[in-house]
Amino acid sequence: MNERIKKIRKNAGLTQNEFAKILGTVQNTITGYETGRRNPSGSALALICREFNVNEEWLRTGQGEMYCHSDSDDDFQTVMEEIGVKDPKARQIILDYWHLSSSDKELFWRFVDRFIKK
């Protein structure tokens, strides 16, 4: 499971510290998970799955698909893959947005709404 947790974090483009903040824990906990010295609780596994749209069976056993998918997820994944390859600045802004606080995200969307309306 430790390698699968590391894969989730790396696929999200996050450092251990960034991953820890999203999960409400500290970097040392993530290091423990990724090295296998520490086993995540059931609630930690459920949180990882919810935050990163990961299939819990895959996380626990390695069986099945890594991510939970729907048709719209497939479309989104295709777009994200293209952005990652063709537009590194767009990729970076998406990652930066992901790490904003809730209040900063609200401010960002007010700016976007005002900018687009002009």
N, C-alpha and C. Protein backbone atom coordinates (compact mmCIF):
# COMPACT_ATOMS: atom_id res chain seq x y z
N MET A 1 0.82 -1.19 0.00
CA MET A 1 0.00 0.00 0.00
C MET A 1 0.87 1.26 0.00
N ASN A 2 2.05 1.17 0.60
CA ASN A 2 2.90 2.35 0.69
C ASN A 2 3.26 2.92 -0.68
N GLU A 3 3.54 2.04 -1.64
CA GLU A 3 3.87 2.51 -2.99
C GLU A 3 2.66 3.12 -3.68
N ARG A 4 1.47 2.61 -3.39
CA ARG A 4 0.26 3.16 -4.00
C ARG A 4 -0.05 4.56 -3.44
N ILE A 5 0.19 4.76 -2.17
CA ILE A 5 -0.01 6.09 -1.59
C ILE A 5 0.98 7.07 -2.22
N LYS A 6 2.21 6.65 -2.37
CA LYS A 6 3.21 7.50 -3.01
C LYS A 6 2.81 7.83 -4.44
N LYS A 7 2.27 6.85 -5.15
CA LYS A 7 1.84 7.07 -6.53
C LYS A 7 0.71 8.09 -6.60
N ILE A 8 -0.23 8.01 -5.68
CA ILE A 8 -1.33 8.98 -5.64
C ILE A 8 -0.77 10.39 -5.47
N ARG A 9 0.14 10.53 -4.51
CA ARG A 9 0.73 11.85 -4.24
C ARG A 9 1.49 12.38 -5.45
N LYS A 10 2.32 11.53 -6.04
CA LYS A 10 3.12 11.96 -7.19
C LYS A 10 2.24 12.27 -8.40
N ASN A 11 1.20 11.46 -8.63
CA ASN A 11 0.28 11.74 -9.73
C ASN A 11 -0.41 13.09 -9.56
N ALA A 12 -0.62 13.49 -8.32
CA ALA A 12 -1.25 14.78 -8.03
C ALA A 12 -0.24 15.92 -8.11
N GLY A 13 1.04 15.58 -8.28
CA GLY A 13 2.07 16.61 -8.38
C GLY A 13 2.35 17.31 -7.06
N LEU A 14 2.21 16.57 -5.96
CA LEU A 14 2.34 17.17 -4.63
C LEU A 14 3.59 16.70 -3.91
N THR A 15 4.13 17.57 -3.08
CA THR A 15 5.18 17.16 -2.15
C THR A 15 4.52 16.43 -1.00
N GLN A 16 5.32 15.78 -0.18
CA GLN A 16 4.75 15.11 1.00
C GLN A 16 4.08 16.13 1.91
N ASN A 17 4.68 17.29 2.04
CA ASN A 17 4.11 18.32 2.90
C ASN A 17 2.77 18.82 2.36
N GLU A 18 2.67 19.05 1.06
CA GLU A 18 1.41 19.50 0.45
C GLU A 18 0.33 18.43 0.59
N PHE A 19 0.71 17.18 0.36
CA PHE A 19 -0.21 16.05 0.49
C PHE A 19 -0.72 15.97 1.93
N ALA A 20 0.19 16.12 2.88
CA ALA A 20 -0.16 16.07 4.30
C ALA A 20 -1.17 17.16 4.65
N LYS A 21 -0.94 18.37 4.15
CA LYS A 21 -1.85 19.48 4.47
C LYS A 21 -3.27 19.19 3.96
N ILE A 22 -3.38 18.64 2.76
CA ILE A 22 -4.69 18.31 2.22
C ILE A 22 -5.40 17.29 3.11
N LEU A 23 -4.61 16.36 3.66
CA LEU A 23 -5.18 15.30 4.50
C LEU A 23 -5.29 15.70 5.97
N GLY A 24 -4.83 16.91 6.31
CA GLY A 24 -4.93 17.37 7.68
C GLY A 24 -3.97 16.69 8.62
N THR A 25 -2.79 16.36 8.11
CA THR A 25 -1.78 15.70 8.92
C THR A 25 -0.43 16.38 8.67
N VAL A 26 0.64 15.72 9.08
CA VAL A 26 1.99 16.30 8.93
C VAL A 26 2.83 15.44 8.00
N GLN A 27 3.90 16.03 7.50
CA GLN A 27 4.76 15.36 6.53
C GLN A 27 5.31 14.03 7.07
N ASN A 28 5.68 13.99 8.34
CA ASN A 28 6.24 12.75 8.90
C ASN A 28 5.27 11.58 8.80
N THR A 29 3.98 11.86 8.93
CA THR A 29 2.98 10.81 8.79
C THR A 29 2.99 10.26 7.38
N ILE A 30 3.05 11.15 6.39
CA ILE A 30 3.08 10.72 4.99
C ILE A 30 4.35 9.94 4.71
N THR A 31 5.48 10.40 5.23
CA THR A 31 6.73 9.66 5.07
C THR A 31 6.58 8.25 5.62
N GLY A 32 5.96 8.13 6.78
CA GLY A 32 5.73 6.81 7.38
C GLY A 32 4.85 5.93 6.50
N TYR A 33 3.80 6.51 5.92
CA TYR A 33 2.94 5.74 5.02
C TYR A 33 3.73 5.26 3.81
N GLU A 34 4.51 6.16 3.22
CA GLU A 34 5.20 5.84 1.96
C GLU A 34 6.37 4.88 2.15
N THR A 35 6.94 4.84 3.33
CA THR A 35 8.04 3.91 3.59
C THR A 35 7.55 2.59 4.17
N GLY A 36 6.27 2.54 4.54
CA GLY A 36 5.70 1.32 5.11
C GLY A 36 5.95 1.18 6.59
N ARG A 37 6.54 2.19 7.22
CA ARG A 37 6.78 2.14 8.66
C ARG A 37 5.51 2.42 9.45
N ARG A 38 4.52 3.00 8.77
CA ARG A 38 3.27 3.36 9.44
C ARG A 38 2.11 2.98 8.54
N ASN A 39 1.06 2.41 9.12
CA ASN A 39 -0.14 2.05 8.36
C ASN A 39 -1.22 3.08 8.59
N PRO A 40 -1.82 3.59 7.51
CA PRO A 40 -2.90 4.56 7.67
C PRO A 40 -4.14 3.91 8.26
N SER A 41 -4.87 4.68 9.03
CA SER A 41 -6.14 4.19 9.59
C SER A 41 -7.17 4.09 8.48
N GLY A 42 -8.27 3.43 8.79
CA GLY A 42 -9.36 3.33 7.83
C GLY A 42 -9.90 4.69 7.44
N SER A 43 -9.96 5.60 8.42
CA SER A 43 -10.46 6.95 8.10
C SER A 43 -9.46 7.71 7.24
N ALA A 44 -8.16 7.49 7.43
CA ALA A 44 -7.15 8.14 6.59
C ALA A 44 -7.25 7.61 5.16
N LEU A 45 -7.46 6.30 5.01
CA LEU A 45 -7.62 5.73 3.67
C LEU A 45 -8.87 6.28 2.98
N ALA A 46 -9.96 6.38 3.73
CA ALA A 46 -11.19 6.92 3.16
C ALA A 46 -11.00 8.37 2.73
N LEU A 47 -10.25 9.14 3.51
CA LEU A 47 -9.99 10.54 3.18
C LEU A 47 -9.14 10.65 1.91
N ILE A 48 -8.11 9.83 1.80
CA ILE A 48 -7.28 9.82 0.60
C ILE A 48 -8.15 9.52 -0.62
N CYS A 49 -8.99 8.51 -0.51
CA CYS A 49 -9.85 8.12 -1.63
C CYS A 49 -10.80 9.24 -2.01
N ARG A 50 -11.38 9.89 -1.02
CA ARG A 50 -12.34 10.96 -1.30
C ARG A 50 -11.64 12.18 -1.92
N GLU A 51 -10.52 12.58 -1.36
CA GLU A 51 -9.83 13.79 -1.82
C GLU A 51 -9.21 13.62 -3.20
N PHE A 52 -8.79 12.40 -3.53
CA PHE A 52 -8.07 12.18 -4.78
C PHE A 52 -8.82 11.27 -5.75
N ASN A 53 -10.12 11.01 -5.47
CA ASN A 53 -10.98 10.21 -6.35
C ASN A 53 -10.38 8.83 -6.64
N VAL A 54 -9.83 8.21 -5.61
CA VAL A 54 -9.16 6.92 -5.74
C VAL A 54 -10.10 5.80 -5.33
N ASN A 55 -10.03 4.71 -6.05
CA ASN A 55 -10.79 3.49 -5.77
C ASN A 55 -10.19 2.85 -4.51
N GLU A 56 -10.99 2.72 -3.46
CA GLU A 56 -10.48 2.20 -2.19
C GLU A 56 -9.97 0.77 -2.31
N GLU A 57 -10.61 -0.04 -3.14
CA GLU A 57 -10.13 -1.42 -3.33
C GLU A 57 -8.72 -1.40 -3.91
N TRP A 58 -8.48 -0.54 -4.89
CA TRP A 58 -7.14 -0.43 -5.47
C TRP A 58 -6.14 0.02 -4.42
N LEU A 59 -6.51 1.01 -3.62
CA LEU A 59 -5.59 1.51 -2.60
C LEU A 59 -5.25 0.43 -1.59
N ARG A 60 -6.23 -0.33 -1.15
CA ARG A 60 -5.98 -1.35 -0.13
C ARG A 60 -5.28 -2.60 -0.69
N THR A 61 -5.65 -3.02 -1.91
CA THR A 61 -5.19 -4.32 -2.41
C THR A 61 -4.38 -4.26 -3.69
N GLY A 62 -4.47 -3.15 -4.42
CA GLY A 62 -3.83 -3.06 -5.73
C GLY A 62 -4.69 -3.63 -6.84
N GLN A 63 -5.89 -4.09 -6.52
CA GLN A 63 -6.80 -4.68 -7.50
C GLN A 63 -7.75 -3.62 -8.04
N GLY A 64 -8.07 -3.72 -9.32
CA GLY A 64 -9.02 -2.80 -9.94
C GLY A 64 -8.34 -1.56 -10.47
N GLU A 65 -9.16 -0.59 -10.85
CA GLU A 65 -8.67 0.67 -11.39
C GLU A 65 -8.21 1.58 -10.26
N MET A 66 -7.20 2.39 -10.54
CA MET A 66 -6.69 3.31 -9.53
C MET A 66 -7.72 4.38 -9.18
N TYR A 67 -8.35 4.96 -10.20
CA TYR A 67 -9.28 6.06 -9.98
C TYR A 67 -10.72 5.62 -10.21
N CYS A 68 -11.62 6.29 -9.53
CA CYS A 68 -13.05 6.12 -9.77
C CYS A 68 -13.38 6.95 -10.99
N HIS A 69 -14.10 6.37 -11.95
CA HIS A 69 -14.35 7.05 -13.21
C HIS A 69 -15.83 7.16 -13.54
N SER A 70 -16.16 8.23 -14.25
CA SER A 70 -17.43 8.38 -14.93
C SER A 70 -17.10 8.92 -16.31
N ASP A 71 -18.08 9.01 -17.19
CA ASP A 71 -17.80 9.53 -18.53
C ASP A 71 -17.24 10.94 -18.48
N SER A 72 -17.79 11.78 -17.60
CA SER A 72 -17.29 13.15 -17.50
C SER A 72 -15.87 13.15 -16.92
N ASP A 73 -15.56 12.18 -16.04
CA ASP A 73 -14.20 12.06 -15.53
C ASP A 73 -13.23 11.73 -16.66
N ASP A 74 -13.66 10.86 -17.58
CA ASP A 74 -12.81 10.51 -18.71
C ASP A 74 -12.52 11.73 -19.58
N ASP A 75 -13.55 12.54 -19.83
CA ASP A 75 -13.36 13.76 -20.61
C ASP A 75 -12.40 14.70 -19.90
N PHE A 76 -12.61 14.87 -18.60
CA PHE A 76 -11.76 15.77 -17.83
C PHE A 76 -10.32 15.26 -17.83
N GLN A 77 -10.14 13.96 -17.64
CA GLN A 77 -8.79 13.38 -17.64
C GLN A 77 -8.11 13.61 -18.98
N THR A 78 -8.82 13.47 -20.07
CA THR A 78 -8.26 13.70 -21.40
C THR A 78 -7.78 15.14 -21.53
N VAL A 79 -8.63 16.07 -21.09
CA VAL A 79 -8.26 17.49 -21.15
C VAL A 79 -7.04 17.76 -20.28
N MET A 80 -7.02 17.21 -19.08
CA MET A 80 -5.89 17.44 -18.17
C MET A 80 -4.59 16.87 -18.75
N GLU A 81 -4.66 15.72 -19.38
CA GLU A 81 -3.46 15.14 -20.00
C GLU A 81 -2.95 16.04 -21.11
N GLU A 82 -3.86 16.59 -21.91
CA GLU A 82 -3.45 17.49 -22.99
C GLU A 82 -2.85 18.77 -22.43
N ILE A 83 -3.47 19.31 -21.40
CA ILE A 83 -2.94 20.53 -20.78
C ILE A 83 -1.53 20.27 -20.26
N GLY A 84 -1.34 19.13 -19.60
CA GLY A 84 -0.03 18.81 -19.05
C GLY A 84 1.06 18.74 -20.10
N VAL A 85 0.71 18.30 -21.28
CA VAL A 85 1.68 18.15 -22.36
C VAL A 85 1.83 19.45 -23.15
N LYS A 86 0.70 20.09 -23.45
CA LYS A 86 0.71 21.22 -24.39
C LYS A 86 0.79 22.59 -23.73
N ASP A 87 0.41 22.69 -22.47
CA ASP A 87 0.35 24.01 -21.85
C ASP A 87 0.82 23.94 -20.39
N PRO A 88 2.12 23.96 -20.17
CA PRO A 88 2.64 23.82 -18.80
C PRO A 88 2.21 24.96 -17.87
N LYS A 89 1.97 26.15 -18.42
CA LYS A 89 1.51 27.25 -17.57
C LYS A 89 0.09 26.99 -17.06
N ALA A 90 -0.77 26.46 -17.92
CA ALA A 90 -2.13 26.12 -17.49
C ALA A 90 -2.08 25.02 -16.43
N ARG A 91 -1.21 24.03 -16.63
CA ARG A 91 -1.05 22.96 -15.64
C ARG A 91 -0.66 23.55 -14.29
N GLN A 92 0.29 24.48 -14.31
CA GLN A 92 0.76 25.06 -13.06
C GLN A 92 -0.32 25.88 -12.37
N ILE A 93 -1.11 26.63 -13.13
CA ILE A 93 -2.17 27.43 -12.51
C ILE A 93 -3.22 26.53 -11.89
N ILE A 94 -3.50 25.39 -12.51
CA ILE A 94 -4.47 24.44 -11.93
C ILE A 94 -3.92 23.89 -10.62
N LEU A 95 -2.64 23.53 -10.61
CA LEU A 95 -2.03 23.02 -9.36
C LEU A 95 -2.02 24.11 -8.29
N ASP A 96 -1.68 25.34 -8.68
CA ASP A 96 -1.66 26.44 -7.71
C ASP A 96 -3.06 26.69 -7.15
N TYR A 97 -4.07 26.66 -8.02
CA TYR A 97 -5.44 26.84 -7.57
C TYR A 97 -5.82 25.77 -6.54
N TRP A 98 -5.44 24.53 -6.81
CA TRP A 98 -5.77 23.41 -5.93
C TRP A 98 -5.30 23.66 -4.50
N HIS A 99 -4.19 24.37 -4.36
CA HIS A 99 -3.59 24.58 -3.04
C HIS A 99 -4.05 25.86 -2.35
N LEU A 100 -4.90 26.64 -3.01
CA LEU A 100 -5.40 27.86 -2.38
C LEU A 100 -6.35 27.54 -1.23
N SER A 101 -6.42 28.45 -0.29
CA SER A 101 -7.41 28.31 0.79
C SER A 101 -8.81 28.54 0.20
N SER A 102 -9.82 28.17 0.94
CA SER A 102 -11.19 28.38 0.47
C SER A 102 -11.48 29.85 0.22
N SER A 103 -11.02 30.71 1.10
CA SER A 103 -11.28 32.14 0.92
C SER A 103 -10.54 32.68 -0.29
N ASP A 104 -9.32 32.20 -0.54
CA ASP A 104 -8.59 32.64 -1.73
C ASP A 104 -9.24 32.12 -3.00
N LYS A 105 -9.81 30.92 -2.95
CA LYS A 105 -10.54 30.41 -4.12
C LYS A 105 -11.75 31.27 -4.42
N GLU A 106 -12.47 31.69 -3.39
CA GLU A 106 -13.62 32.58 -3.60
C GLU A 106 -13.17 33.88 -4.24
N LEU A 107 -12.09 34.45 -3.74
CA LEU A 107 -11.55 35.68 -4.30
C LEU A 107 -11.14 35.50 -5.76
N PHE A 108 -10.50 34.38 -6.03
CA PHE A 108 -10.09 34.07 -7.40
C PHE A 108 -11.29 34.03 -8.33
N TRP A 109 -12.38 33.36 -7.92
CA TRP A 109 -13.55 33.24 -8.78
C TRP A 109 -14.29 34.57 -8.94
N ARG A 110 -14.26 35.41 -7.92
CA ARG A 110 -14.84 36.76 -8.09
C ARG A 110 -14.06 37.53 -9.15
N PHE A 111 -12.74 37.41 -9.11
CA PHE A 111 -11.91 38.06 -10.12
C PHE A 111 -12.22 37.51 -11.50
N VAL A 112 -12.29 36.19 -11.64
CA VAL A 112 -12.55 35.57 -12.95
C VAL A 112 -13.92 36.01 -13.47
N ASP A 113 -14.93 35.99 -12.60
CA ASP A 113 -16.27 36.41 -13.02
C ASP A 113 -16.26 37.86 -13.50
N ARG A 114 -15.58 38.72 -12.80
CA ARG A 114 -15.51 40.13 -13.18
C ARG A 114 -14.73 40.29 -14.49
N PHE A 115 -13.64 39.56 -14.63
CA PHE A 115 -12.80 39.64 -15.82
C PHE A 115 -13.54 39.14 -17.06
N ILE A 116 -14.25 38.06 -16.94
CA ILE A 116 -14.95 37.46 -18.10
C ILE A 116 -16.14 38.29 -18.52
N LYS A 117 -16.79 38.96 -17.61
CA LYS A 117 -17.97 39.76 -17.93
C LYS A 117 -17.62 41.00 -18.73
N LYS A 118 -16.35 41.40 -18.75
CA LYS A 118 -15.96 42.62 -19.49
C LYS A 118 -15.75 42.36 -20.92
